[in-house]
Amino acid sequence: MCSRYDLGWAIAPVPNMGRRADFAWHILCLVPTVPGGTAGDDGVRSNRQKVFRSGGCSLAKRRRSLVLAGAVGGVAVLNARLERSGGELSNPLGGETRYYRWRGGDLAYAVAGEGEPLVLVHGIYAGASSFEFRKNFGELSEDFRVYALDLLGCGLSERPRRLYGPEDVTSQVEDFVREEVGGAAHLLTSSLSGALSVSALVRSPRLFKKSVFICPTGYGSLGRTSGYLGDAIYGLFLAPVLGDSLYYAIVSRRGIRYYLENIAYRDAGFVTEDLVESYYRTSHQRGAKYLLAAFASGNLNLGVGDYWPRVPHRTLICCGLEARTTPVSEAEEFVRRNPRSEPRIFKDAALLPHDERAETFNREVREFLSSGH
C-alpha cells in the first residue's frame, strides 16, 4: 500500500458488515486525507475512523435504496402482469360485432334485429361495457334494430391514454347515431351516460326519437366536478407505479365484488363468480384505467339542469327502488323538471333494474317505445 497520499485520496476498508464464511466484506472508498501526512499519521487515522462511520452509514442508505428500488420494480412487474391478466375479450351479447371509427379510435358495437333502431349505452364504472345489457339485447332485438355500443375505453373498443371529459361521451353517442346508424334512433342509457347524453338530445333533436334513462345522474349525484381534489386524484391515477397499484386495487376481484354486492345490486345473490370474473377481465386490459381515472376524479361529472328541461323527446325514467347512489328522489326530480318524461320504479332492484328485473324492464321499454304517442 502507498505510504503517502500525494493526491489527497486513500483506499480504506469498511468495517465488517456481517459474517460471510470466514471473511468480512470490504468496500473501496475514496478518502480525503491531510496533505503531507503519512499512512501512520494521526490525521489519517482520524480520517479513517470518520470514513468507517460515514461509509457504513452510506452503505446502509444504499442498501435501503436498493431494497426500495427492488420493491418498486417488483410492484411495477406485478402491475404489468395484472394489465394482461384479463385475456382476450369476446362479444358477450351475440349478434354481429362491428366497429365504428371515431376520431382515431375504434368503437365496438353489437347489432341484431330488425325494426326501428335502438341504441344502448352502458354506464361508466370499473369494468364497464355493453355486457351490462346481456339480459336486454336479445329480447329487445325481437322488436327493434338494436345497437349495443362499447364506449371508448370500455369493452371491445380501444382504450387510448387520454384525458376523458363529458363531451367525449356526448359526441360518441351523437356521432354514432348520425354516422353509423344513419337515421333517427331511440336511445337507452344507464347512469352517468344518461346525463352525458342529454346535451346531444338538445342540440341534435332530429337524431333521436324516444329515450330511456336508467338511474340517471345530474340532479344531485355526479352533478358537479370535484375541482382541485379531483385534479389531485386524477394525477394520482397517472403516477406510473402508485397509480397502477391504486387502479388494480379498485378492480381486484374483491373490489369488484364489493361494488356489485353493496352498490349495484339489491340482491347479492345475483353476484356470482362468473359475473365478477366478467367485470374483472374487462377491467384488466391495457389502457383500461384512464376512463376510470376520469370517472373516479369527477372529470366526467355533469349537471343537467340547463339542458334537461329543454329535451323535446318523450323519456322513460327508470329507477330501482333500492338504489342508493341515485335514489328514487333524483328520478322524481327528472320527472318534475320535464313534463315529457314519466317514471318507472322497479321493486327489488337497485342501480341495475334492467338486470335484476330484466323481464319486467324489457316489457316496459318495449311498450313505451312502441306506443304511438
Protein backbone atom coordinates (compact mmCIF):
# COMPACT_ATOMS: atom_id res chain seq x y z
CA MET A 1 0.00 0.00 0.00
CA CYS A 2 1.18 3.56 -0.62
CA SER A 3 2.69 5.15 2.47
CA ARG A 4 1.96 8.64 1.26
CA TYR A 5 -1.17 10.05 -0.43
CA ASP A 6 0.06 12.83 -2.62
CA LEU A 7 -3.28 13.04 -4.50
CA GLY A 8 -5.21 13.57 -1.28
CA TRP A 9 -7.22 10.27 -1.53
CA ALA A 10 -6.79 6.91 0.16
CA ILE A 11 -8.19 3.41 -0.15
CA ALA A 12 -9.73 2.35 3.15
CA PRO A 13 -11.60 -0.77 4.25
CA VAL A 14 -15.15 -0.51 5.61
CA PRO A 15 -15.71 -2.31 8.93
CA ASN A 16 -17.19 -5.81 8.93
CA MET A 17 -20.89 -5.58 7.82
CA GLY A 18 -21.68 -9.14 8.85
CA ARG A 19 -20.11 -12.60 8.68
CA ARG A 20 -19.89 -14.34 5.34
CA ALA A 21 -17.76 -17.52 5.52
CA ASP A 22 -14.58 -16.52 7.40
CA PHE A 23 -14.01 -13.06 5.99
CA ALA A 24 -15.51 -9.63 6.15
CA TRP A 25 -16.97 -7.62 3.30
CA HIS A 26 -14.87 -4.60 2.32
CA ILE A 27 -15.58 -1.70 0.05
CA LEU A 28 -13.21 0.64 -1.70
CA CYS A 29 -13.80 4.25 -0.74
CA LEU A 30 -12.03 7.39 -1.83
CA VAL A 31 -10.98 9.15 1.36
CA PRO A 32 -9.72 12.73 1.50
CA THR A 33 -6.51 12.97 3.54
CA VAL A 34 -4.46 15.64 5.20
CA PRO A 35 -1.85 16.84 2.70
CA GLY A 36 1.66 15.81 3.70
CA GLY A 37 0.55 13.16 6.17
CA THR A 38 1.65 9.55 6.14
CA ALA A 39 -0.26 6.34 6.44
CA GLY A 40 0.61 6.26 10.10
CA ASP A 41 -0.25 9.87 10.86
CA ASP A 42 -2.93 10.56 13.46
CA GLY A 43 -4.71 12.78 10.94
CA VAL A 44 -5.08 9.88 8.53
CA ARG A 45 -6.22 7.52 11.30
CA SER A 46 -8.80 10.10 12.33
CA ASN A 47 -9.95 10.36 8.73
CA ARG A 48 -10.16 6.60 8.50
CA GLN A 49 -12.34 6.46 11.61
CA LYS A 50 -14.65 9.05 10.09
CA VAL A 51 -14.75 7.08 6.87
CA PHE A 52 -15.61 3.90 8.75
CA ARG A 53 -18.63 5.63 10.27
CA SER A 54 -19.74 7.60 7.22
CA GLY A 55 -19.02 4.70 4.86
CA GLY A 56 -21.16 2.36 6.91
CA CYS A 57 -23.96 4.90 7.02
CA SER A 58 -23.66 5.49 3.29
CA LEU A 59 -23.74 1.76 2.62
CA ALA A 60 -26.86 1.38 4.76
CA LYS A 61 -28.54 4.14 2.78
CA ARG A 62 -27.54 2.48 -0.47
CA ARG A 63 -28.88 -0.83 0.75
CA ARG A 64 -32.20 0.78 1.73
CA SER A 65 -32.36 2.49 -1.67
CA LEU A 66 -31.71 -0.82 -3.42
CA VAL A 67 -34.41 -2.53 -1.36
CA LEU A 68 -36.85 0.27 -2.17
CA ALA A 69 -35.96 0.21 -5.85
CA GLY A 70 -36.37 -3.55 -5.89
CA ALA A 71 -39.77 -3.28 -4.23
CA VAL A 72 -40.94 -0.61 -6.68
CA GLY A 73 -39.65 -2.67 -9.56
CA GLY A 74 -41.44 -5.73 -8.24
CA VAL A 75 -44.73 -3.82 -7.95
CA ALA A 76 -44.28 -2.48 -11.49
CA VAL A 77 -43.78 -6.02 -12.80
CA LEU A 78 -46.86 -7.18 -10.91
CA ASN A 79 -48.90 -4.30 -12.36
CA ALA A 80 -47.75 -5.21 -15.86
CA ARG A 81 -48.83 -8.81 -15.30
CA LEU A 82 -52.20 -7.67 -13.96
CA GLU A 83 -52.71 -5.47 -17.01
CA ARG A 84 -52.51 -8.56 -19.22
CA SER A 85 -54.42 -10.88 -16.91
CA GLY A 86 -57.82 -10.17 -18.46
CA GLY A 87 -57.00 -12.13 -21.58
CA GLU A 88 -58.75 -11.68 -24.90
CA LEU A 89 -62.34 -10.46 -24.80
CA SER A 90 -65.25 -11.54 -26.99
CA ASN A 91 -68.73 -10.28 -27.78
CA PRO A 92 -70.90 -11.20 -24.75
CA LEU A 93 -74.24 -10.33 -26.36
CA GLY A 94 -74.48 -12.21 -29.62
CA GLY A 95 -75.49 -10.56 -32.85
CA GLU A 96 -72.87 -9.19 -35.21
CA THR A 97 -69.76 -7.41 -33.92
CA ARG A 98 -68.84 -4.29 -35.87
CA TYR A 99 -66.53 -1.33 -35.43
CA TYR A 100 -67.08 2.38 -35.92
CA ARG A 101 -64.06 4.63 -36.43
CA TRP A 102 -64.39 7.64 -34.16
CA ARG A 103 -61.71 10.34 -34.01
CA GLY A 104 -58.86 7.91 -34.49
CA GLY A 105 -60.19 5.13 -32.26
CA ASP A 106 -62.33 2.07 -32.96
CA LEU A 107 -65.64 1.81 -31.13
CA ALA A 108 -67.03 -1.72 -30.98
CA TYR A 109 -70.72 -2.48 -31.04
CA ALA A 110 -73.04 -5.47 -31.36
CA VAL A 111 -76.05 -5.22 -33.67
CA ALA A 112 -79.04 -7.50 -34.18
CA GLY A 113 -82.71 -7.44 -35.11
CA GLU A 114 -84.92 -5.51 -37.49
CA GLY A 115 -87.18 -2.52 -36.99
CA GLU A 116 -86.70 0.97 -35.58
CA PRO A 117 -83.13 1.50 -34.40
CA LEU A 118 -82.47 1.42 -30.66
CA VAL A 119 -79.04 2.38 -29.29
CA LEU A 120 -77.93 1.03 -25.89
CA VAL A 121 -75.21 2.94 -23.98
CA HIS A 122 -73.83 1.35 -20.81
CA GLY A 123 -72.86 3.18 -17.64
CA ILE A 124 -69.34 4.20 -16.60
CA TYR A 125 -67.65 2.30 -13.76
CA ALA A 126 -64.91 -0.29 -13.26
CA GLY A 127 -65.18 -2.93 -15.97
CA ALA A 128 -67.99 -1.14 -17.82
CA SER A 129 -69.15 -2.45 -21.20
CA SER A 130 -72.24 -3.42 -23.17
CA PHE A 131 -72.12 -6.67 -21.14
CA GLU A 132 -74.43 -4.69 -18.86
CA PHE A 133 -77.25 -5.30 -21.38
CA ARG A 134 -76.78 -9.06 -21.72
CA LYS A 135 -80.36 -9.66 -20.47
CA ASN A 136 -81.89 -7.00 -22.72
CA PHE A 137 -80.09 -7.12 -26.06
CA GLY A 138 -81.58 -10.36 -27.38
CA GLU A 139 -85.14 -9.77 -26.26
CA LEU A 140 -85.30 -6.17 -27.46
CA SER A 141 -83.83 -7.18 -30.82
CA GLU A 142 -87.03 -9.14 -31.46
CA ASP A 143 -88.79 -5.81 -31.98
CA PHE A 144 -86.01 -3.34 -32.80
CA ARG A 145 -82.74 -2.99 -34.66
CA VAL A 146 -80.58 -2.91 -31.52
CA TYR A 147 -77.08 -1.38 -31.39
CA ALA A 148 -75.16 -2.01 -28.14
CA LEU A 149 -72.19 0.38 -28.08
CA ASP A 150 -68.95 -0.01 -26.13
CA LEU A 151 -67.77 3.49 -25.26
CA LEU A 152 -64.15 4.43 -25.88
CA GLY A 153 -62.06 2.85 -23.11
CA CYS A 154 -64.58 0.06 -22.49
CA GLY A 155 -65.41 -3.47 -23.65
CA LEU A 156 -64.09 -4.31 -27.10
CA SER A 157 -63.41 -0.68 -28.00
CA GLU A 158 -59.96 0.88 -27.99
CA ARG A 159 -58.53 2.23 -24.74
CA PRO A 160 -56.28 5.18 -25.59
CA ARG A 161 -54.37 7.11 -22.98
CA ARG A 162 -56.24 10.40 -22.90
CA LEU A 163 -58.00 12.82 -20.58
CA TYR A 164 -61.67 11.94 -20.89
CA GLY A 165 -64.31 14.62 -20.40
CA PRO A 166 -68.11 14.83 -20.65
CA GLU A 167 -68.04 15.91 -24.29
CA ASP A 168 -66.23 12.71 -25.26
CA VAL A 169 -69.21 10.58 -24.30
CA THR A 170 -71.75 13.08 -25.67
CA SER A 171 -70.03 13.21 -29.05
CA GLN A 172 -69.59 9.44 -29.28
CA VAL A 173 -73.32 8.91 -28.87
CA GLU A 174 -74.25 11.76 -31.19
CA ASP A 175 -71.76 10.85 -33.93
CA PHE A 176 -72.56 7.15 -33.72
CA VAL A 177 -76.26 7.72 -34.33
CA ARG A 178 -75.59 10.21 -37.11
CA GLU A 179 -72.84 8.35 -38.98
CA GLU A 180 -73.27 4.67 -38.16
CA VAL A 181 -76.98 4.21 -37.52
CA GLY A 182 -77.74 6.72 -40.24
CA GLY A 183 -81.15 7.83 -39.03
CA ALA A 184 -83.27 8.78 -36.05
CA ALA A 185 -82.95 6.23 -33.23
CA HIS A 186 -84.36 5.53 -29.81
CA LEU A 187 -81.76 5.91 -27.07
CA LEU A 188 -81.40 3.83 -23.90
CA THR A 189 -78.68 4.85 -21.45
CA SER A 190 -77.51 3.82 -17.99
CA SER A 191 -76.47 6.01 -15.06
CA LEU A 192 -73.86 8.68 -15.87
CA SER A 193 -74.12 8.03 -19.62
CA GLY A 194 -77.68 9.34 -19.44
CA ALA A 195 -76.55 12.70 -18.09
CA LEU A 196 -73.76 12.86 -20.67
CA SER A 197 -76.26 12.20 -23.48
CA VAL A 198 -78.72 14.95 -22.51
CA SER A 199 -76.93 17.71 -24.39
CA ALA A 200 -76.90 15.53 -27.54
CA LEU A 201 -80.70 15.24 -27.33
CA VAL A 202 -80.98 19.03 -27.13
CA ARG A 203 -78.53 20.07 -29.85
CA SER A 204 -79.41 17.27 -32.30
CA PRO A 205 -83.10 16.54 -31.62
CA ARG A 206 -83.76 15.07 -35.08
CA LEU A 207 -81.26 12.29 -34.48
CA PHE A 208 -83.38 10.80 -31.71
CA LYS A 209 -86.90 9.55 -31.18
CA LYS A 210 -87.72 8.46 -27.62
CA SER A 211 -85.24 7.89 -24.83
CA VAL A 212 -84.96 5.68 -21.77
CA PHE A 213 -82.76 6.68 -18.84
CA ILE A 214 -81.82 4.12 -16.17
CA CYS A 215 -80.91 5.69 -12.80
CA PRO A 216 -79.67 8.89 -14.47
CA THR A 217 -77.29 11.24 -12.66
CA GLY A 218 -77.05 15.01 -12.92
CA TYR A 219 -79.58 16.20 -10.33
CA GLY A 220 -77.58 15.63 -7.16
CA SER A 221 -75.41 12.59 -7.87
CA LEU A 222 -72.34 13.35 -10.00
CA GLY A 223 -73.76 16.78 -10.78
CA ARG A 224 -70.61 18.80 -10.12
CA THR A 225 -66.93 18.43 -10.93
CA SER A 226 -64.66 17.93 -7.93
CA GLY A 227 -62.18 20.77 -8.63
CA TYR A 228 -58.69 20.67 -7.16
CA LEU A 229 -59.36 17.48 -5.23
CA GLY A 230 -60.41 15.78 -8.45
CA ASP A 231 -57.26 17.01 -10.18
CA ALA A 232 -55.17 15.53 -7.37
CA ILE A 233 -56.96 12.19 -7.60
CA TYR A 234 -56.55 12.12 -11.36
CA GLY A 235 -52.83 12.89 -11.01
CA LEU A 236 -52.52 10.05 -8.52
CA PHE A 237 -54.02 7.61 -11.02
CA LEU A 238 -51.46 8.72 -13.63
CA ALA A 239 -48.47 8.10 -11.33
CA PRO A 240 -46.51 5.28 -13.05
CA VAL A 241 -46.42 2.71 -10.23
CA LEU A 242 -48.62 4.10 -7.47
CA GLY A 243 -51.43 4.96 -9.90
CA ASP A 244 -51.44 1.49 -11.41
CA SER A 245 -51.46 -0.07 -7.93
CA LEU A 246 -54.42 2.10 -6.92
CA TYR A 247 -56.32 1.12 -10.06
CA TYR A 248 -55.69 -2.61 -9.66
CA ALA A 249 -56.76 -2.44 -6.02
CA ILE A 250 -60.10 -0.97 -7.12
CA VAL A 251 -60.61 -3.53 -9.89
CA SER A 252 -59.43 -6.52 -7.88
CA ARG A 253 -61.94 -9.34 -7.61
CA ARG A 254 -62.62 -8.29 -4.04
CA GLY A 255 -63.13 -4.65 -5.04
CA ILE A 256 -65.45 -5.57 -7.89
CA ARG A 257 -67.48 -7.91 -5.68
CA TYR A 258 -67.84 -5.23 -3.03
CA TYR A 259 -69.18 -2.71 -5.59
CA LEU A 260 -71.61 -5.17 -7.13
CA GLU A 261 -72.95 -6.54 -3.83
CA ASN A 262 -73.20 -3.26 -1.93
CA ILE A 263 -73.99 -0.66 -4.58
CA ALA A 264 -75.03 -2.05 -7.95
CA TYR A 265 -77.38 -4.86 -6.88
CA ARG A 266 -80.13 -5.02 -4.31
CA ASP A 267 -79.88 -8.82 -4.16
CA ALA A 268 -76.32 -10.03 -3.66
CA GLY A 269 -77.41 -13.42 -4.98
CA PHE A 270 -77.04 -12.01 -8.50
CA VAL A 271 -73.31 -11.54 -7.90
CA THR A 272 -71.87 -14.87 -8.99
CA GLU A 273 -68.26 -15.86 -9.52
CA ASP A 274 -68.82 -15.71 -13.29
CA LEU A 275 -70.21 -12.18 -13.05
CA VAL A 276 -67.24 -10.96 -11.00
CA GLU A 277 -64.87 -12.64 -13.44
CA SER A 278 -66.51 -10.94 -16.43
CA TYR A 279 -66.01 -7.49 -14.91
CA TYR A 280 -62.51 -8.45 -13.80
CA ARG A 281 -61.45 -9.48 -17.31
CA THR A 282 -62.84 -6.32 -18.88
CA SER A 283 -61.10 -4.07 -16.35
CA HIS A 284 -57.74 -5.83 -16.78
CA GLN A 285 -56.95 -4.68 -20.30
CA ARG A 286 -54.18 -2.35 -21.45
CA GLY A 287 -55.30 1.27 -21.11
CA ALA A 288 -58.44 0.49 -19.11
CA LYS A 289 -57.52 2.73 -16.18
CA TYR A 290 -57.79 6.08 -17.99
CA LEU A 291 -61.58 6.23 -18.28
CA LEU A 292 -61.99 5.02 -14.70
CA ALA A 293 -59.48 7.67 -13.56
CA ALA A 294 -61.64 10.35 -15.20
CA PHE A 295 -64.75 8.92 -13.55
CA ALA A 296 -63.21 8.49 -10.08
CA SER A 297 -61.72 12.00 -10.12
CA GLY A 298 -65.02 13.63 -11.11
CA ASN A 299 -63.83 14.76 -14.55
CA LEU A 300 -66.94 13.20 -16.12
CA ASN A 301 -69.45 14.70 -13.70
CA LEU A 302 -72.07 16.89 -15.31
CA GLY A 303 -75.12 18.71 -14.04
CA VAL A 304 -78.12 18.56 -16.37
CA GLY A 305 -80.17 21.46 -15.00
CA ASP A 306 -79.58 23.70 -18.03
CA TYR A 307 -80.30 21.06 -20.65
CA TRP A 308 -82.77 18.52 -19.31
CA PRO A 309 -85.88 20.78 -19.25
CA ARG A 310 -85.23 21.52 -22.95
CA VAL A 311 -85.16 17.87 -24.08
CA PRO A 312 -88.10 17.60 -26.52
CA HIS A 313 -88.37 13.79 -26.61
CA ARG A 314 -90.62 11.57 -24.58
CA THR A 315 -88.42 9.90 -21.99
CA LEU A 316 -88.90 6.99 -19.63
CA ILE A 317 -87.06 7.48 -16.32
CA CYS A 318 -86.33 4.06 -14.77
CA CYS A 319 -85.01 3.55 -11.27
CA GLY A 320 -84.58 0.70 -8.81
CA LEU A 321 -86.48 1.31 -5.60
CA GLU A 322 -83.43 0.25 -3.57
CA ALA A 323 -80.91 2.42 -5.44
CA ARG A 324 -78.85 4.48 -3.02
CA THR A 325 -76.29 6.41 -5.07
CA THR A 326 -79.03 7.65 -7.43
CA PRO A 327 -82.15 7.30 -5.28
CA VAL A 328 -85.77 7.49 -6.40
CA SER A 329 -85.91 11.13 -5.30
CA GLU A 330 -83.49 12.04 -8.10
CA ALA A 331 -85.60 10.18 -10.67
CA GLU A 332 -88.60 12.14 -9.42
CA GLU A 333 -86.62 15.35 -9.92
CA PHE A 334 -86.10 14.46 -13.57
CA VAL A 335 -89.85 13.94 -13.99
CA ARG A 336 -90.65 17.25 -12.25
CA ARG A 337 -88.26 19.20 -14.45
CA ASN A 338 -89.52 17.88 -17.80
CA PRO A 339 -93.22 17.18 -18.42
CA ARG A 340 -92.37 14.93 -21.38
CA SER A 341 -90.87 12.34 -19.03
CA GLU A 342 -92.55 9.63 -16.97
CA PRO A 343 -91.25 7.36 -14.20
CA ARG A 344 -90.97 3.60 -13.85
CA ILE A 345 -89.87 2.44 -10.40
CA PHE A 346 -88.81 -1.20 -10.08
CA LYS A 347 -89.17 -3.01 -6.78
CA ASP A 348 -86.44 -5.35 -5.58
CA ALA A 349 -83.77 -3.61 -7.67
CA ALA A 350 -81.00 -1.06 -7.17
CA LEU A 351 -78.86 0.55 -9.90
CA LEU A 352 -79.48 -2.24 -12.42
CA PRO A 353 -83.23 -2.81 -12.73
CA HIS A 354 -82.63 -3.99 -16.32
CA ASP A 355 -80.66 -6.89 -14.80
CA GLU A 356 -82.44 -7.66 -11.52
CA ARG A 357 -85.91 -7.18 -13.06
CA ALA A 358 -84.99 -7.89 -16.68
CA GLU A 359 -88.28 -9.43 -17.81
CA THR A 360 -90.40 -6.59 -16.42
CA PHE A 361 -87.93 -3.97 -17.63
CA ASN A 362 -87.86 -5.31 -21.19
CA ARG A 363 -91.65 -5.37 -21.31
CA GLU A 364 -91.94 -1.78 -20.06
CA VAL A 365 -89.35 -0.50 -22.52
CA ARG A 366 -90.86 -2.36 -25.45
CA GLU A 367 -94.34 -0.97 -24.69
CA PHE A 368 -93.07 2.58 -24.17
CA LEU A 369 -91.03 2.69 -27.38
CA SER A 370 -93.75 1.03 -29.47
CA SER A 371 -96.60 3.26 -28.32
CA GLY A 372 -97.74 5.79 -30.92
CA HIS A 373 -97.94 8.85 -28.69
